[in-house]
Amino acid sequence: MRDHRVKVSLLSLCFLASTCCALSARAIPQMGDDNARIVGTVVDAGSHDPVASARVDLMGPGGMAAPTKYTNEDGKFYIGARDGDYQLVIRKMGYQNAQVDVSIVAAAQSRVDVALVRDPSDSASSPSSSETISARQLKIPEKARNAYHEGQALAAKHDYDSAVDQFHKAIKAFPPYYEAYADMGVAQYKLGQAEDARESLQKSVDLSEGKFPDALFDSADVLNALHDFADAESFARREITLEDSSWRGHYELARALLGLKRLPEAEQSARESQKLNAQNPPLYIVLVSIHAATRHYASVVQDIDAYLVLDPKGPLSDQMRATRAQATKALADAEAHAPKTQ
């Protein structure tokens, strides 16, 4: 009976931790966003036009050091990072990959400008592709851009009410502004406006014809948080189809499958996300929940150890240490009650 109580207590703690902490990388700053920023601009090496929706990964000695970012319509990106030496990897269909070394010292802001060279072997590098990207950028009025960037700045300061107002202004000035709809949806969710958030994110998906990764990721994230796991699964799978090499889609899919209690599939998706980005602390809480539910307590201990390496002083670190103690006790009790071998 005592062993049963230990197992139930451990399982409850793990799922409580999953509910509180398994949030998107966008909702919770990762890797010291408040300590330093890398600010950059990506342009076309030939035309010098900004390159929108380029993928930007920050790589450290242990792999990915921050969540994947994408350039906005002005070709700009912002990445949080601790002090250290990194390599930025920038990818965009139709262009050759670019790699740039960057260092953060004393939490100072580093500026990085990247010129992408078109890949002549890629059919997406045709003039029509470049003209399509530039045409949309030129359609966005300066008033809309300014309001959108102001909304982003306010959201970064957690002033979500004011951010939503600015996103509304951006959309009023440019109704097809799907990036503004996506960011507004996240801000509305943070304000507790669940239905408004869902509508804004769906609008972003519709306007972008399902080709804006952030809209799909944010939709899956918000729906997971609202425990609408079936719809979250759908959006996560759409993002994976759009961008199979992104850890974010596999991470959100793991969360959704965990919520649906499809545990073997959830673990498989979590492992796919881990292969792509082993530096995402909330991923290990998903794994803790999966392994607690399946009573693989040795794996629970390993998951928590990995989490604590990445986030030793975070808001849930003490709770994770308590859960680890429960898992260790469960292992000891199981060993004590195991049949003796001759």
C-alpha atoms as a PDB file:
ATOM      1  CA  MET A   1       0.000   0.000   0.000  1.00  0.00           C
ATOM      2  CA  ARG A   2       2.841   2.357   0.853  1.00  0.00           C
ATOM      3  CA  ASP A   3       4.440   1.792  -2.605  1.00  0.00           C
ATOM      4  CA  HIS A   4       1.111   2.577  -4.290  1.00  0.00           C
ATOM      5  CA  ARG A   5       0.835   5.917  -2.444  1.00  0.00           C
ATOM      6  CA  VAL A   6       4.340   6.881  -3.545  1.00  0.00           C
ATOM      7  CA  LYS A   7       3.500   6.164  -7.176  1.00  0.00           C
ATOM      8  CA  VAL A   8       0.244   8.132  -7.091  1.00  0.00           C
ATOM      9  CA  SER A   9       1.956  11.103  -5.431  1.00  0.00           C
ATOM     10  CA  LEU A  10       4.744  11.100  -8.008  1.00  0.00           C
ATOM     11  CA  LEU A  11       2.330  10.890 -10.904  1.00  0.00           C
ATOM     12  CA  SER A  12       0.281  13.816  -9.580  1.00  0.00           C
ATOM     13  CA  LEU A  13       3.364  15.976  -9.128  1.00  0.00           C
ATOM     14  CA  CYS A  14       4.605  15.257 -12.628  1.00  0.00           C
ATOM     15  CA  PHE A  15       1.349  16.104 -14.356  1.00  0.00           C
ATOM     16  CA  LEU A  16       0.991  19.233 -12.259  1.00  0.00           C
ATOM     17  CA  ALA A  17       4.454  20.270 -13.413  1.00  0.00           C
ATOM     18  CA  SER A  18       3.514  19.487 -17.012  1.00  0.00           C
ATOM     19  CA  THR A  19       0.417  21.685 -16.812  1.00  0.00           C
ATOM     20  CA  CYS A  20       2.319  24.590 -15.258  1.00  0.00           C
ATOM     21  CA  CYS A  21       5.487  24.492 -17.309  1.00  0.00           C
ATOM     22  CA  ALA A  22       5.042  22.737 -20.648  1.00  0.00           C
ATOM     23  CA  LEU A  23       4.533  26.002 -22.474  1.00  0.00           C
ATOM     24  CA  SER A  24       5.889  27.196 -25.770  1.00  0.00           C
ATOM     25  CA  ALA A  25       9.396  28.570 -26.162  1.00  0.00           C
ATOM     26  CA  ARG A  26       7.753  31.781 -27.272  1.00  0.00           C
ATOM     27  CA  ALA A  27       5.644  32.150 -24.106  1.00  0.00           C
ATOM     28  CA  ILE A  28       8.564  31.581 -21.719  1.00  0.00           C
ATOM     29  CA  PRO A  29      11.888  33.312 -22.402  1.00  0.00           C
ATOM     30  CA  GLN A  30      14.635  30.737 -22.941  1.00  0.00           C
ATOM     31  CA  MET A  31      18.366  30.907 -22.392  1.00  0.00           C
ATOM     32  CA  GLY A  32      18.473  34.298 -20.693  1.00  0.00           C
ATOM     33  CA  ASP A  33      16.380  36.461 -23.022  1.00  0.00           C
ATOM     34  CA  ASP A  34      16.421  39.234 -20.419  1.00  0.00           C
ATOM     35  CA  ASN A  35      20.233  39.213 -20.144  1.00  0.00           C
ATOM     36  CA  ALA A  36      21.247  39.914 -23.724  1.00  0.00           C
ATOM     37  CA  ARG A  37      20.004  40.015 -27.278  1.00  0.00           C
ATOM     38  CA  ILE A  38      21.388  39.350 -30.692  1.00  0.00           C
ATOM     39  CA  VAL A  39      19.758  41.749 -33.112  1.00  0.00           C
ATOM     40  CA  GLY A  40      20.155  41.117 -36.816  1.00  0.00           C
ATOM     41  CA  THR A  41      18.969  41.832 -40.308  1.00  0.00           C
ATOM     42  CA  VAL A  42      18.959  39.438 -43.268  1.00  0.00           C
ATOM     43  CA  VAL A  43      18.984  40.863 -46.787  1.00  0.00           C
ATOM     44  CA  ASP A  44      19.350  39.588 -50.345  1.00  0.00           C
ATOM     45  CA  ALA A  45      23.017  39.905 -51.343  1.00  0.00           C
ATOM     46  CA  GLY A  46      22.089  41.044 -54.846  1.00  0.00           C
ATOM     47  CA  SER A  47      19.120  43.360 -54.416  1.00  0.00           C
ATOM     48  CA  HIS A  48      19.738  44.272 -50.745  1.00  0.00           C
ATOM     49  CA  ASP A  49      16.007  43.771 -50.150  1.00  0.00           C
ATOM     50  CA  PRO A  50      15.089  42.360 -46.728  1.00  0.00           C
ATOM     51  CA  VAL A  51      14.523  38.615 -46.658  1.00  0.00           C
ATOM     52  CA  ALA A  52      11.374  37.706 -44.735  1.00  0.00           C
ATOM     53  CA  SER A  53      10.706  34.364 -43.006  1.00  0.00           C
ATOM     54  CA  ALA A  54      14.347  33.251 -43.079  1.00  0.00           C
ATOM     55  CA  ARG A  55      15.047  30.654 -40.400  1.00  0.00           C
ATOM     56  CA  VAL A  56      17.673  31.664 -37.826  1.00  0.00           C
ATOM     57  CA  ASP A  57      19.198  29.099 -35.438  1.00  0.00           C
ATOM     58  CA  LEU A  58      21.644  29.947 -32.655  1.00  0.00           C
ATOM     59  CA  MET A  59      24.128  27.120 -32.161  1.00  0.00           C
ATOM     60  CA  GLY A  60      26.348  26.635 -29.133  1.00  0.00           C
ATOM     61  CA  PRO A  61      28.835  23.920 -28.131  1.00  0.00           C
ATOM     62  CA  GLY A  62      26.004  21.665 -26.943  1.00  0.00           C
ATOM     63  CA  GLY A  63      23.697  22.196 -29.907  1.00  0.00           C
ATOM     64  CA  MET A  64      20.869  24.696 -30.287  1.00  0.00           C
ATOM     65  CA  ALA A  65      21.236  27.447 -27.689  1.00  0.00           C
ATOM     66  CA  ALA A  66      17.892  29.189 -28.209  1.00  0.00           C
ATOM     67  CA  PRO A  67      14.534  28.575 -29.883  1.00  0.00           C
ATOM     68  CA  THR A  68      14.432  28.928 -33.659  1.00  0.00           C
ATOM     69  CA  LYS A  69      13.559  32.433 -34.853  1.00  0.00           C
ATOM     70  CA  TYR A  70      12.283  33.744 -38.184  1.00  0.00           C
ATOM     71  CA  THR A  71      12.940  37.112 -39.744  1.00  0.00           C
ATOM     72  CA  ASN A  72      10.000  39.489 -39.950  1.00  0.00           C
ATOM     73  CA  GLU A  73       8.902  41.329 -43.081  1.00  0.00           C
ATOM     74  CA  ASP A  74      11.784  43.779 -42.625  1.00  0.00           C
ATOM     75  CA  GLY A  75      14.298  40.934 -42.483  1.00  0.00           C
ATOM     76  CA  LYS A  76      14.932  41.517 -38.765  1.00  0.00           C
ATOM     77  CA  PHE A  77      15.315  38.961 -35.983  1.00  0.00           C
ATOM     78  CA  TYR A  78      15.903  39.061 -32.232  1.00  0.00           C
ATOM     79  CA  ILE A  79      17.423  36.258 -30.151  1.00  0.00           C
ATOM     80  CA  GLY A  80      18.018  36.026 -26.410  1.00  0.00           C
ATOM     81  CA  ALA A  81      21.342  34.541 -25.320  1.00  0.00           C
ATOM     82  CA  ARG A  82      23.655  34.253 -22.361  1.00  0.00           C
ATOM     83  CA  ASP A  83      27.282  35.343 -22.531  1.00  0.00           C
ATOM     84  CA  GLY A  84      29.283  33.060 -24.771  1.00  0.00           C
ATOM     85  CA  ASP A  85      30.443  32.228 -28.265  1.00  0.00           C
ATOM     86  CA  TYR A  86      27.862  31.077 -30.792  1.00  0.00           C
ATOM     87  CA  GLN A  87      27.257  30.455 -34.447  1.00  0.00           C
ATOM     88  CA  LEU A  88      24.195  31.754 -36.240  1.00  0.00           C
ATOM     89  CA  VAL A  89      22.891  29.540 -39.032  1.00  0.00           C
ATOM     90  CA  ILE A  90      20.520  31.267 -41.462  1.00  0.00           C
ATOM     91  CA  ARG A  91      18.439  29.272 -43.964  1.00  0.00           C
ATOM     92  CA  LYS A  92      15.942  30.306 -46.593  1.00  0.00           C
ATOM     93  CA  MET A  93      14.624  28.344 -49.552  1.00  0.00           C
ATOM     94  CA  GLY A  94      16.227  29.624 -52.736  1.00  0.00           C
ATOM     95  CA  TYR A  95      19.367  30.814 -50.934  1.00  0.00           C
ATOM     96  CA  GLN A  96      22.646  29.279 -49.858  1.00  0.00           C
ATOM     97  CA  ASN A  97      22.882  28.710 -46.090  1.00  0.00           C
ATOM     98  CA  ALA A  98      24.884  31.328 -44.190  1.00  0.00           C
ATOM     99  CA  GLN A  99      26.878  30.852 -40.985  1.00  0.00           C
ATOM    100  CA  VAL A 100      28.065  33.731 -38.810  1.00  0.00           C
ATOM    101  CA  ASP A 101      30.132  33.627 -35.609  1.00  0.00           C
ATOM    102  CA  VAL A 102      28.878  35.896 -32.829  1.00  0.00           C
ATOM    103  CA  SER A 103      29.943  36.502 -29.234  1.00  0.00           C
ATOM    104  CA  ILE A 104      28.003  37.921 -26.288  1.00  0.00           C
ATOM    105  CA  VAL A 105      30.145  39.607 -23.635  1.00  0.00           C
ATOM    106  CA  ALA A 106      28.903  41.181 -20.395  1.00  0.00           C
ATOM    107  CA  ALA A 107      25.274  40.903 -21.552  1.00  0.00           C
ATOM    108  CA  ALA A 108      25.905  43.486 -24.264  1.00  0.00           C
ATOM    109  CA  GLN A 109      23.762  43.588 -27.372  1.00  0.00           C
ATOM    110  CA  SER A 110      25.381  42.244 -30.532  1.00  0.00           C
ATOM    111  CA  ARG A 111      24.418  43.429 -33.990  1.00  0.00           C
ATOM    112  CA  VAL A 112      24.589  40.993 -36.908  1.00  0.00           C
ATOM    113  CA  ASP A 113      23.870  41.774 -40.559  1.00  0.00           C
ATOM    114  CA  VAL A 114      23.692  38.893 -43.025  1.00  0.00           C
ATOM    115  CA  ALA A 115      23.532  38.980 -46.829  1.00  0.00           C
ATOM    116  CA  LEU A 116      22.125  35.756 -48.284  1.00  0.00           C
ATOM    117  CA  VAL A 117      23.396  34.630 -51.675  1.00  0.00           C
ATOM    118  CA  ARG A 118      20.896  33.097 -54.033  1.00  0.00           C
ATOM    119  CA  ASP A 119      21.329  29.423 -54.879  1.00  0.00           C
ATOM    120  CA  PRO A 120      21.354  29.099 -58.685  1.00  0.00           C
ATOM    121  CA  SER A 121      20.601  25.385 -58.447  1.00  0.00           C
ATOM    122  CA  ASP A 122      17.320  25.994 -56.612  1.00  0.00           C
ATOM    123  CA  SER A 123      14.210  26.612 -58.664  1.00  0.00           C
ATOM    124  CA  ALA A 124      12.903  28.875 -55.899  1.00  0.00           C
ATOM    125  CA  SER A 125      15.643  31.383 -56.774  1.00  0.00           C
ATOM    126  CA  SER A 126      13.830  32.480 -59.927  1.00  0.00           C
ATOM    127  CA  PRO A 127      13.085  36.183 -60.319  1.00  0.00           C
ATOM    128  CA  SER A 128       9.391  35.579 -59.802  1.00  0.00           C
ATOM    129  CA  SER A 129      10.083  34.256 -56.278  1.00  0.00           C
ATOM    130  CA  SER A 130      12.051  37.374 -55.340  1.00  0.00           C
ATOM    131  CA  GLU A 131       9.435  39.642 -56.836  1.00  0.00           C
ATOM    132  CA  THR A 132       6.669  37.903 -54.860  1.00  0.00           C
ATOM    133  CA  ILE A 133       8.458  38.465 -51.561  1.00  0.00           C
ATOM    134  CA  SER A 134       9.289  42.075 -52.341  1.00  0.00           C
ATOM    135  CA  ALA A 135       5.795  42.806 -53.609  1.00  0.00           C
ATOM    136  CA  ARG A 136       4.215  41.854 -50.301  1.00  0.00           C
ATOM    137  CA  GLN A 137       6.738  43.865 -48.317  1.00  0.00           C
ATOM    138  CA  LEU A 138       6.068  46.916 -50.440  1.00  0.00           C
ATOM    139  CA  LYS A 139       2.340  46.591 -49.861  1.00  0.00           C
ATOM    140  CA  ILE A 140       2.700  46.933 -46.086  1.00  0.00           C
ATOM    141  CA  PRO A 141       2.287  50.619 -45.199  1.00  0.00           C
ATOM    142  CA  GLU A 142       4.874  52.180 -42.939  1.00  0.00           C
ATOM    143  CA  LYS A 143       2.117  53.005 -40.464  1.00  0.00           C
ATOM    144  CA  ALA A 144       1.238  49.313 -40.192  1.00  0.00           C
ATOM    145  CA  ARG A 145       4.863  48.262 -39.772  1.00  0.00           C
ATOM    146  CA  ASN A 146       5.471  50.822 -37.054  1.00  0.00           C
ATOM    147  CA  ALA A 147       2.374  49.739 -35.119  1.00  0.00           C
ATOM    148  CA  TYR A 148       3.358  46.074 -35.457  1.00  0.00           C
ATOM    149  CA  HIS A 149       6.891  46.651 -34.166  1.00  0.00           C
ATOM    150  CA  GLU A 150       5.552  48.757 -31.310  1.00  0.00           C
ATOM    151  CA  GLY A 151       3.198  45.917 -30.429  1.00  0.00           C
ATOM    152  CA  GLN A 152       6.107  43.472 -30.379  1.00  0.00           C
ATOM    153  CA  ALA A 153       8.092  45.769 -28.091  1.00  0.00           C
ATOM    154  CA  LEU A 154       5.159  46.144 -25.691  1.00  0.00           C
ATOM    155  CA  ALA A 155       4.533  42.388 -25.638  1.00  0.00           C
ATOM    156  CA  ALA A 156       8.205  41.837 -24.776  1.00  0.00           C
ATOM    157  CA  LYS A 157       7.611  44.088 -21.738  1.00  0.00           C
ATOM    158  CA  HIS A 158       4.484  42.050 -20.827  1.00  0.00           C
ATOM    159  CA  ASP A 159       2.208  45.019 -21.539  1.00  0.00           C
ATOM    160  CA  TYR A 160      -0.208  42.833 -23.449  1.00  0.00           C
ATOM    161  CA  ASP A 161      -3.191  45.204 -23.376  1.00  0.00           C
ATOM    162  CA  SER A 162      -1.220  47.941 -25.108  1.00  0.00           C
ATOM    163  CA  ALA A 163       0.356  45.392 -27.449  1.00  0.00           C
ATOM    164  CA  VAL A 164      -3.067  44.194 -28.609  1.00  0.00           C
ATOM    165  CA  ASP A 165      -4.062  47.807 -29.312  1.00  0.00           C
ATOM    166  CA  GLN A 166      -1.002  48.258 -31.511  1.00  0.00           C
ATOM    167  CA  PHE A 167      -1.596  44.997 -33.368  1.00  0.00           C
ATOM    168  CA  HIS A 168      -5.166  46.122 -34.053  1.00  0.00           C
ATOM    169  CA  LYS A 169      -3.787  49.376 -35.487  1.00  0.00           C
ATOM    170  CA  ALA A 170      -1.374  47.433 -37.702  1.00  0.00           C
ATOM    171  CA  ILE A 171      -4.178  45.210 -38.995  1.00  0.00           C
ATOM    172  CA  LYS A 172      -6.467  48.180 -39.605  1.00  0.00           C
ATOM    173  CA  ALA A 173      -3.745  49.779 -41.723  1.00  0.00           C
ATOM    174  CA  PHE A 174      -3.001  46.492 -43.520  1.00  0.00           C
ATOM    175  CA  PRO A 175      -5.788  43.866 -43.192  1.00  0.00           C
ATOM    176  CA  PRO A 176      -3.751  40.900 -44.608  1.00  0.00           C
ATOM    177  CA  TYR A 177      -1.090  41.351 -41.891  1.00  0.00           C
ATOM    178  CA  TYR A 178      -0.948  37.709 -40.771  1.00  0.00           C
ATOM    179  CA  GLU A 179       2.173  38.251 -38.621  1.00  0.00           C
ATOM    180  CA  ALA A 180       0.262  40.833 -36.567  1.00  0.00           C
ATOM    181  CA  TYR A 181      -2.681  38.461 -36.155  1.00  0.00           C
ATOM    182  CA  ALA A 182      -0.349  35.730 -34.851  1.00  0.00           C
ATOM    183  CA  ASP A 183       1.370  37.980 -32.307  1.00  0.00           C
ATOM    184  CA  MET A 184      -1.977  39.428 -31.264  1.00  0.00           C
ATOM    185  CA  GLY A 185      -3.297  35.921 -30.647  1.00  0.00           C
ATOM    186  CA  VAL A 186      -0.420  35.178 -28.279  1.00  0.00           C
ATOM    187  CA  ALA A 187      -0.963  38.461 -26.419  1.00  0.00           C
ATOM    188  CA  GLN A 188      -4.696  37.791 -26.129  1.00  0.00           C
ATOM    189  CA  TYR A 189      -3.997  34.361 -24.696  1.00  0.00           C
ATOM    190  CA  LYS A 190      -1.668  35.915 -22.109  1.00  0.00           C
ATOM    191  CA  LEU A 191      -4.560  38.229 -21.163  1.00  0.00           C
ATOM    192  CA  GLY A 192      -6.856  35.242 -20.656  1.00  0.00           C
ATOM    193  CA  GLN A 193      -8.881  35.996 -23.795  1.00  0.00           C
ATOM    194  CA  ALA A 194      -8.909  32.423 -25.036  1.00  0.00           C
ATOM    195  CA  GLU A 195     -11.565  32.668 -27.739  1.00  0.00           C
ATOM    196  CA  ASP A 196     -10.148  35.907 -29.155  1.00  0.00           C
ATOM    197  CA  ALA A 197      -6.721  34.275 -29.207  1.00  0.00           C
ATOM    198  CA  ARG A 198      -8.015  31.284 -31.134  1.00  0.00           C
ATOM    199  CA  GLU A 199      -9.766  33.505 -33.665  1.00  0.00           C
ATOM    200  CA  SER A 200      -6.686  35.680 -34.216  1.00  0.00           C
ATOM    201  CA  LEU A 201      -4.387  32.706 -34.671  1.00  0.00           C
ATOM    202  CA  GLN A 202      -6.809  31.017 -37.056  1.00  0.00           C
ATOM    203  CA  LYS A 203      -7.003  34.261 -39.032  1.00  0.00           C
ATOM    204  CA  SER A 204      -3.199  34.272 -39.287  1.00  0.00           C
ATOM    205  CA  VAL A 205      -3.215  30.691 -40.541  1.00  0.00           C
ATOM    206  CA  ASP A 206      -5.933  31.473 -43.089  1.00  0.00           C
ATOM    207  CA  LEU A 207      -4.330  34.670 -44.387  1.00  0.00           C
ATOM    208  CA  SER A 208      -0.944  32.979 -44.776  1.00  0.00           C
ATOM    209  CA  GLU A 209      -2.572  29.928 -46.391  1.00  0.00           C
ATOM    210  CA  GLY A 210      -0.980  27.770 -43.714  1.00  0.00           C
ATOM    211  CA  LYS A 211       2.541  28.743 -44.768  1.00  0.00           C
ATOM    212  CA  PHE A 212       3.547  30.917 -41.785  1.00  0.00           C
ATOM    213  CA  PRO A 213       5.243  28.543 -39.289  1.00  0.00           C
ATOM    214  CA  ASP A 214       4.784  30.797 -36.259  1.00  0.00           C
ATOM    215  CA  ALA A 215       1.004  30.846 -36.719  1.00  0.00           C
ATOM    216  CA  LEU A 216       0.851  27.043 -36.730  1.00  0.00           C
ATOM    217  CA  PHE A 217       3.220  26.726 -33.778  1.00  0.00           C
ATOM    218  CA  ASP A 218       1.434  29.387 -31.707  1.00  0.00           C
ATOM    219  CA  SER A 219      -1.942  27.814 -32.495  1.00  0.00           C
ATOM    220  CA  ALA A 220      -0.739  24.414 -31.290  1.00  0.00           C
ATOM    221  CA  ASP A 221       0.817  26.014 -28.203  1.00  0.00           C
ATOM    222  CA  VAL A 222      -2.324  27.911 -27.192  1.00  0.00           C
ATOM    223  CA  LEU A 223      -4.608  24.952 -27.889  1.00  0.00           C
ATOM    224  CA  ASN A 224      -2.397  22.675 -25.797  1.00  0.00           C
ATOM    225  CA  ALA A 225      -2.556  25.176 -22.956  1.00  0.00           C
ATOM    226  CA  LEU A 226      -6.361  25.212 -23.297  1.00  0.00           C
ATOM    227  CA  HIS A 227      -6.381  21.371 -23.240  1.00  0.00           C
ATOM    228  CA  ASP A 228      -7.832  21.213 -26.750  1.00  0.00           C
ATOM    229  CA  PHE A 229      -5.358  18.482 -27.555  1.00  0.00           C
ATOM    230  CA  ALA A 230      -7.052  17.124 -30.673  1.00  0.00           C
ATOM    231  CA  ASP A 231      -6.912  20.465 -32.493  1.00  0.00           C
ATOM    232  CA  ALA A 232      -3.416  21.107 -31.122  1.00  0.00           C
ATOM    233  CA  GLU A 233      -2.312  17.821 -32.679  1.00  0.00           C
ATOM    234  CA  SER A 234      -3.696  18.923 -36.040  1.00  0.00           C
ATOM    235  CA  PHE A 235      -1.817  22.250 -36.034  1.00  0.00           C
ATOM    236  CA  ALA A 236       1.401  20.617 -34.828  1.00  0.00           C
ATOM    237  CA  ARG A 237       1.273  18.060 -37.624  1.00  0.00           C
ATOM    238  CA  ARG A 238       0.673  20.825 -40.157  1.00  0.00           C
ATOM    239  CA  GLU A 239       3.779  22.624 -38.948  1.00  0.00           C
ATOM    240  CA  ILE A 240       5.833  19.433 -39.165  1.00  0.00           C
ATOM    241  CA  THR A 241       4.611  18.943 -42.736  1.00  0.00           C
ATOM    242  CA  LEU A 242       5.629  22.514 -43.522  1.00  0.00           C
ATOM    243  CA  GLU A 243       8.951  22.321 -41.700  1.00  0.00           C
ATOM    244  CA  ASP A 244      10.006  18.835 -40.610  1.00  0.00           C
ATOM    245  CA  SER A 245      13.380  20.030 -39.316  1.00  0.00           C
ATOM    246  CA  SER A 246      11.802  22.351 -36.731  1.00  0.00           C
ATOM    247  CA  TRP A 247      11.907  21.087 -33.154  1.00  0.00           C
ATOM    248  CA  ARG A 248       8.877  23.198 -32.300  1.00  0.00           C
ATOM    249  CA  GLY A 249       6.323  21.161 -34.236  1.00  0.00           C
ATOM    250  CA  HIS A 250       7.523  17.878 -32.732  1.00  0.00           C
ATOM    251  CA  TYR A 251       7.515  19.428 -29.250  1.00  0.00           C
ATOM    252  CA  GLU A 252       3.927  20.661 -29.557  1.00  0.00           C
ATOM    253  CA  LEU A 253       2.881  17.333 -31.045  1.00  0.00           C
ATOM    254  CA  ALA A 254       4.393  15.552 -28.032  1.00  0.00           C
ATOM    255  CA  ARG A 255       2.391  17.813 -25.698  1.00  0.00           C
ATOM    256  CA  ALA A 256      -0.823  17.137 -27.607  1.00  0.00           C
ATOM    257  CA  LEU A 257      -0.298  13.367 -27.680  1.00  0.00           C
ATOM    258  CA  LEU A 258       0.512  13.393 -23.969  1.00  0.00           C
ATOM    259  CA  GLY A 259      -2.767  15.191 -23.327  1.00  0.00           C
ATOM    260  CA  LEU A 260      -4.556  12.589 -25.452  1.00  0.00           C
ATOM    261  CA  LYS A 261      -2.827   9.859 -23.392  1.00  0.00           C
ATOM    262  CA  ARG A 262      -1.195   8.361 -26.468  1.00  0.00           C
ATOM    263  CA  LEU A 263       2.007   7.900 -24.531  1.00  0.00           C
ATOM    264  CA  PRO A 264       4.211   5.841 -26.893  1.00  0.00           C
ATOM    265  CA  GLU A 265       3.517   8.310 -29.721  1.00  0.00           C
ATOM    266  CA  ALA A 266       4.110  11.223 -27.357  1.00  0.00           C
ATOM    267  CA  GLU A 267       7.518   9.871 -26.384  1.00  0.00           C
ATOM    268  CA  GLN A 268       8.451   9.319 -30.026  1.00  0.00           C
ATOM    269  CA  SER A 269       7.581  12.934 -30.872  1.00  0.00           C
ATOM    270  CA  ALA A 270       9.438  14.205 -27.810  1.00  0.00           C
ATOM    271  CA  ARG A 271      12.541  12.288 -28.882  1.00  0.00           C
ATOM    272  CA  GLU A 272      12.295  13.798 -32.379  1.00  0.00           C
ATOM    273  CA  SER A 273      12.182  17.256 -30.821  1.00  0.00           C
ATOM    274  CA  GLN A 274      15.111  16.374 -28.566  1.00  0.00           C
ATOM    275  CA  LYS A 275      17.221  15.343 -31.567  1.00  0.00           C
ATOM    276  CA  LEU A 276      16.627  18.768 -33.110  1.00  0.00           C
ATOM    277  CA  ASN A 277      17.005  20.803 -29.918  1.00  0.00           C
ATOM    278  CA  ALA A 278      18.192  19.198 -26.696  1.00  0.00           C
ATOM    279  CA  GLN A 279      18.385  22.607 -24.977  1.00  0.00           C
ATOM    280  CA  ASN A 280      14.628  23.139 -24.471  1.00  0.00           C
ATOM    281  CA  PRO A 281      13.864  22.707 -20.715  1.00  0.00           C
ATOM    282  CA  PRO A 282      10.059  22.259 -21.037  1.00  0.00           C
ATOM    283  CA  LEU A 283      10.646  19.250 -23.285  1.00  0.00           C
ATOM    284  CA  TYR A 284      12.060  17.333 -20.326  1.00  0.00           C
ATOM    285  CA  ILE A 285       8.940  18.047 -18.290  1.00  0.00           C
ATOM    286  CA  VAL A 286       6.913  16.444 -21.062  1.00  0.00           C
ATOM    287  CA  LEU A 287       9.234  13.435 -20.838  1.00  0.00           C
ATOM    288  CA  VAL A 288       8.917  13.403 -17.038  1.00  0.00           C
ATOM    289  CA  SER A 289       5.132  13.247 -17.386  1.00  0.00           C
ATOM    290  CA  ILE A 290       5.295  10.457 -19.969  1.00  0.00           C
ATOM    291  CA  HIS A 291       7.687   8.347 -17.931  1.00  0.00           C
ATOM    292  CA  ALA A 292       5.804   8.969 -14.675  1.00  0.00           C
ATOM    293  CA  ALA A 293       2.577   7.825 -16.331  1.00  0.00           C
ATOM    294  CA  THR A 294       4.280   4.649 -17.540  1.00  0.00           C
ATOM    295  CA  ARG A 295       6.086   4.219 -14.171  1.00  0.00           C
ATOM    296  CA  HIS A 296       9.553   4.328 -15.692  1.00  0.00           C
ATOM    297  CA  TYR A 297      11.004   6.015 -12.634  1.00  0.00           C
ATOM    298  CA  ALA A 298      14.643   5.626 -13.632  1.00  0.00           C
ATOM    299  CA  SER A 299      13.828   7.599 -16.780  1.00  0.00           C
ATOM    300  CA  VAL A 300      11.998  10.191 -14.654  1.00  0.00           C
ATOM    301  CA  VAL A 301      15.199  10.765 -12.679  1.00  0.00           C
ATOM    302  CA  GLN A 302      17.234  11.105 -15.896  1.00  0.00           C
ATOM    303  CA  ASP A 303      14.713  13.557 -17.361  1.00  0.00           C
ATOM    304  CA  ILE A 304      14.748  15.725 -14.256  1.00  0.00           C
ATOM    305  CA  ASP A 305      18.544  15.725 -14.140  1.00  0.00           C
ATOM    306  CA  ALA A 306      18.618  16.935 -17.753  1.00  0.00           C
ATOM    307  CA  TYR A 307      16.054  19.624 -16.939  1.00  0.00           C
ATOM    308  CA  LEU A 308      17.989  20.881 -13.916  1.00  0.00           C
ATOM    309  CA  VAL A 309      21.201  21.174 -15.936  1.00  0.00           C
ATOM    310  CA  LEU A 310      19.386  23.557 -18.277  1.00  0.00           C
ATOM    311  CA  ASP A 311      17.307  25.419 -15.683  1.00  0.00           C
ATOM    312  CA  PRO A 312      18.815  24.920 -12.200  1.00  0.00           C
ATOM    313  CA  LYS A 313      17.262  28.041 -10.656  1.00  0.00           C
ATOM    314  CA  GLY A 314      13.984  28.335 -12.556  1.00  0.00           C
ATOM    315  CA  PRO A 315      10.542  28.767 -10.973  1.00  0.00           C
ATOM    316  CA  LEU A 316       9.834  25.029 -11.099  1.00  0.00           C
ATOM    317  CA  SER A 317      13.303  23.760 -10.233  1.00  0.00           C
ATOM    318  CA  ASP A 318      12.475  23.146  -6.564  1.00  0.00           C
ATOM    319  CA  GLN A 319       9.331  21.260  -7.520  1.00  0.00           C
ATOM    320  CA  MET A 320      11.330  19.181  -9.965  1.00  0.00           C
ATOM    321  CA  ARG A 321      13.845  18.332  -7.241  1.00  0.00           C
ATOM    322  CA  ALA A 322      10.982  17.223  -4.990  1.00  0.00           C
ATOM    323  CA  THR A 323       9.613  15.075  -7.799  1.00  0.00           C
ATOM    324  CA  ARG A 324      13.056  13.577  -8.273  1.00  0.00           C
ATOM    325  CA  ALA A 325      13.134  12.621  -4.589  1.00  0.00           C
ATOM    326  CA  GLN A 326       9.746  10.918  -5.006  1.00  0.00           C
ATOM    327  CA  ALA A 327      10.997   9.008  -8.043  1.00  0.00           C
ATOM    328  CA  THR A 328      14.142   7.914  -6.211  1.00  0.00           C
ATOM    329  CA  LYS A 329      12.029   6.684  -3.298  1.00  0.00           C
ATOM    330  CA  ALA A 330       9.727   4.793  -5.651  1.00  0.00           C
ATOM    331  CA  LEU A 331      12.757   3.088  -7.187  1.00  0.00           C
ATOM    332  CA  ALA A 332      14.115   2.147  -3.756  1.00  0.00           C
ATOM    333  CA  ASP A 333      10.744   0.774  -2.630  1.00  0.00           C
ATOM    334  CA  ALA A 334      10.406  -1.245  -5.832  1.00  0.00           C
ATOM    335  CA  GLU A 335      13.873  -2.689  -5.336  1.00  0.00           C
ATOM    336  CA  ALA A 336      13.092  -3.553  -1.703  1.00  0.00           C
ATOM    337  CA  HIS A 337       9.955  -5.439  -2.724  1.00  0.00           C
ATOM    338  CA  ALA A 338      11.524  -7.206  -5.686  1.00  0.00           C
ATOM    339  CA  PRO A 339      11.689 -11.003  -5.443  1.00  0.00           C
ATOM    340  CA  LYS A 340      15.026 -12.199  -4.083  1.00  0.00           C
ATOM    341  CA  THR A 341      17.115 -14.230  -6.508  1.00  0.00           C
ATOM    342  CA  GLN A 342      18.994 -17.259  -5.262  1.00  0.00           C
END
